[in-house]
C-alpha atoms as a PDB file:
ATOM      1  CA  MET A   1      36.893  47.048  87.878  1.00  0.00           C
ATOM      2  CA  ARG A   2      35.727  50.027  87.573  1.00  0.00           C
ATOM      3  CA  ILE A   3      36.707  50.948  91.579  1.00  0.00           C
ATOM      4  CA  GLU A   4      40.190  49.905  90.645  1.00  0.00           C
ATOM      5  CA  GLU A   5      40.087  52.266  87.345  1.00  0.00           C
ATOM      6  CA  GLY A   6      38.521  54.961  90.029  1.00  0.00           C
ATOM      7  CA  PHE A   7      41.535  54.541  92.347  1.00  0.00           C
ATOM      8  CA  LYS A   8      44.064  54.353  89.771  1.00  0.00           C
ATOM      9  CA  SER A   9      42.601  57.903  88.218  1.00  0.00           C
ATOM     10  CA  LEU A  10      42.175  59.162  92.076  1.00  0.00           C
ATOM     11  CA  ASP A  11      46.217  57.817  92.477  1.00  0.00           C
ATOM     12  CA  LYS A  12      47.336  59.281  89.140  1.00  0.00           C
ATOM     13  CA  ARG A  13      45.497  62.294  90.019  1.00  0.00           C
ATOM     14  CA  ILE A  14      46.688  62.638  93.653  1.00  0.00           C
ATOM     15  CA  GLU A  15      50.352  61.859  92.582  1.00  0.00           C
ATOM     16  CA  ASP A  16      49.845  64.906  89.630  1.00  0.00           C
ATOM     17  CA  THR A  17      48.776  67.115  92.522  1.00  0.00           C
ATOM     18  CA  ASN A  18      51.814  65.954  94.645  1.00  0.00           C
ATOM     19  CA  LYS A  19      54.203  66.441  91.592  1.00  0.00           C
ATOM     20  CA  ARG A  20      52.341  69.957  91.223  1.00  0.00           C
ATOM     21  CA  ILE A  21      52.804  70.834  95.250  1.00  0.00           C
ATOM     22  CA  ALA A  22      56.719  69.452  94.995  1.00  0.00           C
ATOM     23  CA  ASP A  23      57.080  71.852  91.635  1.00  0.00           C
ATOM     24  CA  GLY A  24      55.258  74.773  93.530  1.00  0.00           C
ATOM     25  CA  VAL A  25      57.549  74.234  97.147  1.00  0.00           C
ATOM     26  CA  ALA A  26      60.580  73.785  95.095  1.00  0.00           C
ATOM     27  CA  SER A  27      60.015  76.925  92.917  1.00  0.00           C
ATOM     28  CA  THR A  28      59.136  78.772  96.535  1.00  0.00           C
ATOM     29  CA  ASN A  29      62.555  77.372  97.802  1.00  0.00           C
ATOM     30  CA  LYS A  30      64.513  78.704  95.030  1.00  0.00           C
ATOM     31  CA  ARG A  31      62.627  82.214  94.444  1.00  0.00           C
ATOM     32  CA  ILE A  32      63.699  82.421  98.103  1.00  0.00           C
ATOM     33  CA  ASP A  33      67.144  81.196  97.751  1.00  0.00           C
ATOM     34  CA  ASP A  34      67.531  83.945  95.090  1.00  0.00           C
ATOM     35  CA  GLY A  35      65.841  86.742  97.310  1.00  0.00           C
ATOM     36  CA  ILE A  36      68.751  85.485 100.260  1.00  0.00           C
ATOM     37  CA  ALA A  37      71.400  85.402  97.877  1.00  0.00           C
ATOM     38  CA  SER A  38      70.438  88.934  96.558  1.00  0.00           C
ATOM     39  CA  THR A  39      70.202  90.168 100.091  1.00  0.00           C
ATOM     40  CA  ASN A  40      73.621  89.017 100.601  1.00  0.00           C
ATOM     41  CA  LYS A  41      74.768  90.742  97.800  1.00  0.00           C
ATOM     42  CA  ARG A  42      73.297  94.258  98.799  1.00  0.00           C
ATOM     43  CA  ILE A  43      74.880  93.637 102.507  1.00  0.00           C
ATOM     44  CA  ASP A  44      78.251  92.764 101.066  1.00  0.00           C
ATOM     45  CA  ASP A  45      77.823  95.738  99.008  1.00  0.00           C
ATOM     46  CA  VAL A  46      76.829  97.951 101.533  1.00  0.00           C
ATOM     47  CA  ASN A  47      79.830  96.617 103.790  1.00  0.00           C
ATOM     48  CA  GLN A  48      82.363  97.532 101.004  1.00  0.00           C
ATOM     49  CA  GLN A  49      80.290 100.884 100.651  1.00  0.00           C
ATOM     50  CA  MET A  50      81.107 101.374 104.645  1.00  0.00           C
ATOM     51  CA  GLY A  51      84.761 100.189 103.982  1.00  0.00           C
ATOM     52  CA  LEU A  52      85.744 103.077 101.470  1.00  0.00           C
ATOM     53  CA  THR A  53      84.001 105.752 103.773  1.00  0.00           C
ATOM     54  CA  HIS A  54      85.765 104.470 106.951  1.00  0.00           C
ATOM     55  CA  ASN A  55      88.827 104.646 104.759  1.00  0.00           C
ATOM     56  CA  SER A  56      88.198 107.862 103.535  1.00  0.00           C
ATOM     57  CA  ILE A  57      87.540 109.465 106.839  1.00  0.00           C
ATOM     58  CA  PHE A  58      90.685 108.103 107.946  1.00  0.00           C
ATOM     59  CA  VAL A  59      92.264 109.684 105.244  1.00  0.00           C
ATOM     60  CA  VAL A  60      90.857 113.101 105.509  1.00  0.00           C
ATOM     61  CA  ILE A  61      91.327 112.697 109.582  1.00  0.00           C
ATOM     62  CA  ALA A  62      95.173 112.114 108.995  1.00  0.00           C
ATOM     63  CA  LEU A  63      95.582 115.166 106.384  1.00  0.00           C
ATOM     64  CA  ILE A  64      93.943 117.345 109.332  1.00  0.00           C
ATOM     65  CA  VAL A  65      96.631 116.256 111.539  1.00  0.00           C
ATOM     66  CA  GLY A  66      99.355 116.878 109.071  1.00  0.00           C
ATOM     67  CA  LEU A  67      98.697 120.274 108.400  1.00  0.00           C
ATOM     68  CA  TYR A  68      97.348 121.069 112.078  1.00  0.00           C
ATOM     69  CA  ALA A  69     101.180 119.741 112.706  1.00  0.00           C
ATOM     70  CA  LEU A  70     102.876 121.575 109.553  1.00  0.00           C
ATOM     71  CA  ILE A  71     101.239 124.718 110.648  1.00  0.00           C
ATOM     72  CA  TYR A  72     102.062 124.327 114.371  1.00  0.00           C
ATOM     73  CA  LYS A  73     105.941 123.717 113.212  1.00  0.00           C
ATOM     74  CA  HIS A  74     105.853 126.863 111.103  1.00  0.00           C
ATOM     75  CA  LYS A  75     104.063 129.086 113.990  1.00  0.00           C
ATOM     76  CA  SER A  76     106.534 127.933 116.270  1.00  0.00           C
ATOM     77  CA  GLU A  77     109.481 128.978 113.731  1.00  0.00           C
ATOM     78  CA  VAL A  78     107.598 132.246 112.861  1.00  0.00           C
ATOM     79  CA  VAL A  79     107.493 132.922 117.052  1.00  0.00           C
ATOM     80  CA  ASN A  80     111.324 132.109 116.987  1.00  0.00           C
ATOM     81  CA  VAL A  81     112.201 134.620 114.117  1.00  0.00           C
ATOM     82  CA  ILE A  82     109.891 137.492 115.937  1.00  0.00           C
ATOM     83  CA  ARG A  83     111.689 136.815 119.101  1.00  0.00           C
ATOM     84  CA  LYS A  84     115.230 137.192 117.238  1.00  0.00           C
ATOM     85  CA  ILE A  85     113.850 140.369 115.681  1.00  0.00           C
ATOM     86  CA  LYS A  86     112.636 142.127 118.791  1.00  0.00           C
ATOM     87  CA  LYS A  87     116.136 141.759 120.417  1.00  0.00           C
ATOM     88  CA  ILE A  88     117.944 142.651 117.215  1.00  0.00           C
ATOM     89  CA  GLU A  89     116.097 145.842 117.108  1.00  0.00           C
ATOM     90  CA  GLU A  90     116.339 146.483 121.013  1.00  0.00           C
ATOM     91  CA  ARG A  91     120.261 146.105 120.881  1.00  0.00           C
ATOM     92  CA  GLU A  92     120.055 148.801 117.528  1.00  0.00           C
ATOM     93  CA  GLU A  93     117.857 150.870 120.004  1.00  0.00           C
ATOM     94  CA  LYS A  94     121.088 150.455 122.429  1.00  0.00           C
ATOM     95  CA  VAL A  95     123.492 151.487 119.679  1.00  0.00           C
ATOM     96  CA  GLU A  96     121.608 153.913 118.810  1.00  0.00           C
ATOM     97  CA  ARG A  97     121.599 155.817 122.438  1.00  0.00           C
ATOM     98  CA  ALA A  98     125.300 154.933 122.582  1.00  0.00           C
ATOM     99  CA  LEU A  99     126.382 156.528 119.682  1.00  0.00           C
ATOM    100  CA  LYS A 100     124.051 159.339 120.222  1.00  0.00           C
ATOM    101  CA  GLU A 101     125.664 159.631 123.813  1.00  0.00           C
ATOM    102  CA  LEU A 102     129.517 159.428 121.881  1.00  0.00           C
ATOM    103  CA  ALA A 103     128.246 162.275 119.658  1.00  0.00           C
ATOM    104  CA  LEU A 104     127.789 164.652 122.249  1.00  0.00           C
ATOM    105  CA  LYS A 105     131.158 164.188 123.942  1.00  0.00           C
ATOM    106  CA  ASP A 106     133.388 163.742 120.696  1.00  0.00           C
ATOM    107  CA  PRO A 107     132.332 165.905 117.507  1.00  0.00           C
ATOM    108  CA  ASN A 108     134.303 163.756 115.011  1.00  0.00           C
ATOM    109  CA  ALA A 109     131.348 160.633 116.278  1.00  0.00           C
ATOM    110  CA  ALA A 110     128.756 163.410 115.859  1.00  0.00           C
ATOM    111  CA  GLU A 111     130.005 163.975 111.879  1.00  0.00           C
ATOM    112  CA  ALA A 112     130.077 160.173 111.358  1.00  0.00           C
ATOM    113  CA  ASN A 113     126.452 159.568 112.891  1.00  0.00           C
ATOM    114  CA  LYS A 114     125.272 162.462 110.921  1.00  0.00           C
ATOM    115  CA  ARG A 115     127.115 160.766 107.622  1.00  0.00           C
ATOM    116  CA  ALA A 116     125.441 157.430 108.433  1.00  0.00           C
ATOM    117  CA  GLY A 117     121.854 159.189 108.686  1.00  0.00           C
ATOM    118  CA  LEU A 118     121.720 158.582 112.605  1.00  0.00           C
ATOM    119  CA  LEU A 119     121.511 162.438 113.884  1.00  0.00           C
END
């Protein structure tokens, strides 16, 4: 009987040890699963932040392109205005020369040019 009691005691100790090992393995698995979940959450947060950064960069690039287009459009308009002003100035010089030549030949034209401030 003593041997049977010894085996029963040994079986109980083995069962207790197996239970502690199983509990330890379950606890370790839970910690690993929690760590994996935490890592996955961090990766998701990084992905979300990268998406926001990507979108922000895209918006900045779009604004730069839009501003460049706006400046280029206005630059071309300014160039056209400058061309027109130069043409008008050239015509003005031609008209003044013609009026001065006419004033040399016609005294009434000379008087009119003086009143207008051309001579």
